[in-house]
Amino acid sequence: MKQRTRLAAQAWRAPKLRKCQNCGSSIPGHTACPSCGTYTTRSGKEIVVKAEA
């Protein structure tokens, strides 16, 4: 039995965006930046260049 459920509580909400401290792009909270790879002050993504043989 469903009782006392408000439709306003089930509404979709847009994710909160914040600016990356390193490059300034907009990213959702608690995620690493896809463009530079930093998460708060830690860098997590290293750019690897493949050498052509």
C-alpha atoms as a PDB file:
ATOM      1  CA  MET A   1       0.000   0.000   0.000  1.00  0.00           C
ATOM      2  CA  LYS A   2       1.312   3.370  -0.977  1.00  0.00           C
ATOM      3  CA  GLN A   3       0.272   6.094   1.377  1.00  0.00           C
ATOM      4  CA  ARG A   4       1.374   9.632   2.009  1.00  0.00           C
ATOM      5  CA  THR A   5       3.901   9.895  -0.810  1.00  0.00           C
ATOM      6  CA  ARG A   6       4.514  13.354  -2.172  1.00  0.00           C
ATOM      7  CA  LEU A   7       5.197  13.792  -5.842  1.00  0.00           C
ATOM      8  CA  ALA A   8       7.472  16.745  -5.097  1.00  0.00           C
ATOM      9  CA  ALA A   9       9.875  14.415  -3.300  1.00  0.00           C
ATOM     10  CA  GLN A  10      10.212  12.293  -6.436  1.00  0.00           C
ATOM     11  CA  ALA A  11      11.011  15.193  -8.771  1.00  0.00           C
ATOM     12  CA  TRP A  12      14.169  15.116 -10.888  1.00  0.00           C
ATOM     13  CA  ARG A  13      16.864  17.559  -9.812  1.00  0.00           C
ATOM     14  CA  ALA A  14      19.769  18.757 -11.913  1.00  0.00           C
ATOM     15  CA  PRO A  15      23.196  17.782 -10.549  1.00  0.00           C
ATOM     16  CA  LYS A  16      25.090  20.514  -8.730  1.00  0.00           C
ATOM     17  CA  LEU A  17      28.100  21.649 -10.725  1.00  0.00           C
ATOM     18  CA  ARG A  18      31.316  23.110  -9.407  1.00  0.00           C
ATOM     19  CA  LYS A  19      34.416  24.540 -11.052  1.00  0.00           C
ATOM     20  CA  CYS A  20      37.632  22.566 -11.246  1.00  0.00           C
ATOM     21  CA  GLN A  21      40.359  24.185  -9.151  1.00  0.00           C
ATOM     22  CA  ASN A  22      43.014  23.350 -11.724  1.00  0.00           C
ATOM     23  CA  CYS A  23      41.494  24.102 -15.148  1.00  0.00           C
ATOM     24  CA  GLY A  24      38.188  25.853 -14.320  1.00  0.00           C
ATOM     25  CA  SER A  25      35.820  23.542 -16.217  1.00  0.00           C
ATOM     26  CA  SER A  26      32.404  22.708 -14.743  1.00  0.00           C
ATOM     27  CA  ILE A  27      32.125  19.227 -13.220  1.00  0.00           C
ATOM     28  CA  PRO A  28      29.657  17.503 -10.878  1.00  0.00           C
ATOM     29  CA  GLY A  29      30.702  17.176  -7.254  1.00  0.00           C
ATOM     30  CA  HIS A  30      32.715  14.217  -5.922  1.00  0.00           C
ATOM     31  CA  THR A  31      34.132  13.314  -9.348  1.00  0.00           C
ATOM     32  CA  ALA A  32      37.497  13.716 -11.009  1.00  0.00           C
ATOM     33  CA  CYS A  33      37.760  16.343 -13.734  1.00  0.00           C
ATOM     34  CA  PRO A  34      37.534  14.678 -17.166  1.00  0.00           C
ATOM     35  CA  SER A  35      39.685  17.310 -18.870  1.00  0.00           C
ATOM     36  CA  CYS A  36      42.664  17.559 -16.503  1.00  0.00           C
ATOM     37  CA  GLY A  37      42.146  14.530 -14.216  1.00  0.00           C
ATOM     38  CA  THR A  38      42.426  16.251 -10.841  1.00  0.00           C
ATOM     39  CA  TYR A  39      40.217  15.432  -7.868  1.00  0.00           C
ATOM     40  CA  THR A  40      40.270  18.307  -5.344  1.00  0.00           C
ATOM     41  CA  THR A  41      44.032  18.856  -5.004  1.00  0.00           C
ATOM     42  CA  ARG A  42      45.235  15.407  -6.107  1.00  0.00           C
ATOM     43  CA  SER A  43      46.129  14.637  -9.693  1.00  0.00           C
ATOM     44  CA  GLY A  44      44.903  11.254 -10.796  1.00  0.00           C
ATOM     45  CA  LYS A  45      45.173  11.113 -14.558  1.00  0.00           C
ATOM     46  CA  GLU A  46      48.463  10.927 -16.352  1.00  0.00           C
ATOM     47  CA  ILE A  47      48.602  11.677 -20.042  1.00  0.00           C
ATOM     48  CA  VAL A  48      50.292   8.841 -21.891  1.00  0.00           C
ATOM     49  CA  VAL A  49      51.602   9.454 -25.393  1.00  0.00           C
ATOM     50  CA  LYS A  50      51.834   6.346 -27.548  1.00  0.00           C
ATOM     51  CA  ALA A  51      54.925   6.155 -29.717  1.00  0.00           C
ATOM     52  CA  GLU A  52      54.316   5.141 -33.299  1.00  0.00           C
ATOM     53  CA  ALA A  53      56.373   2.167 -34.400  1.00  0.00           C
END
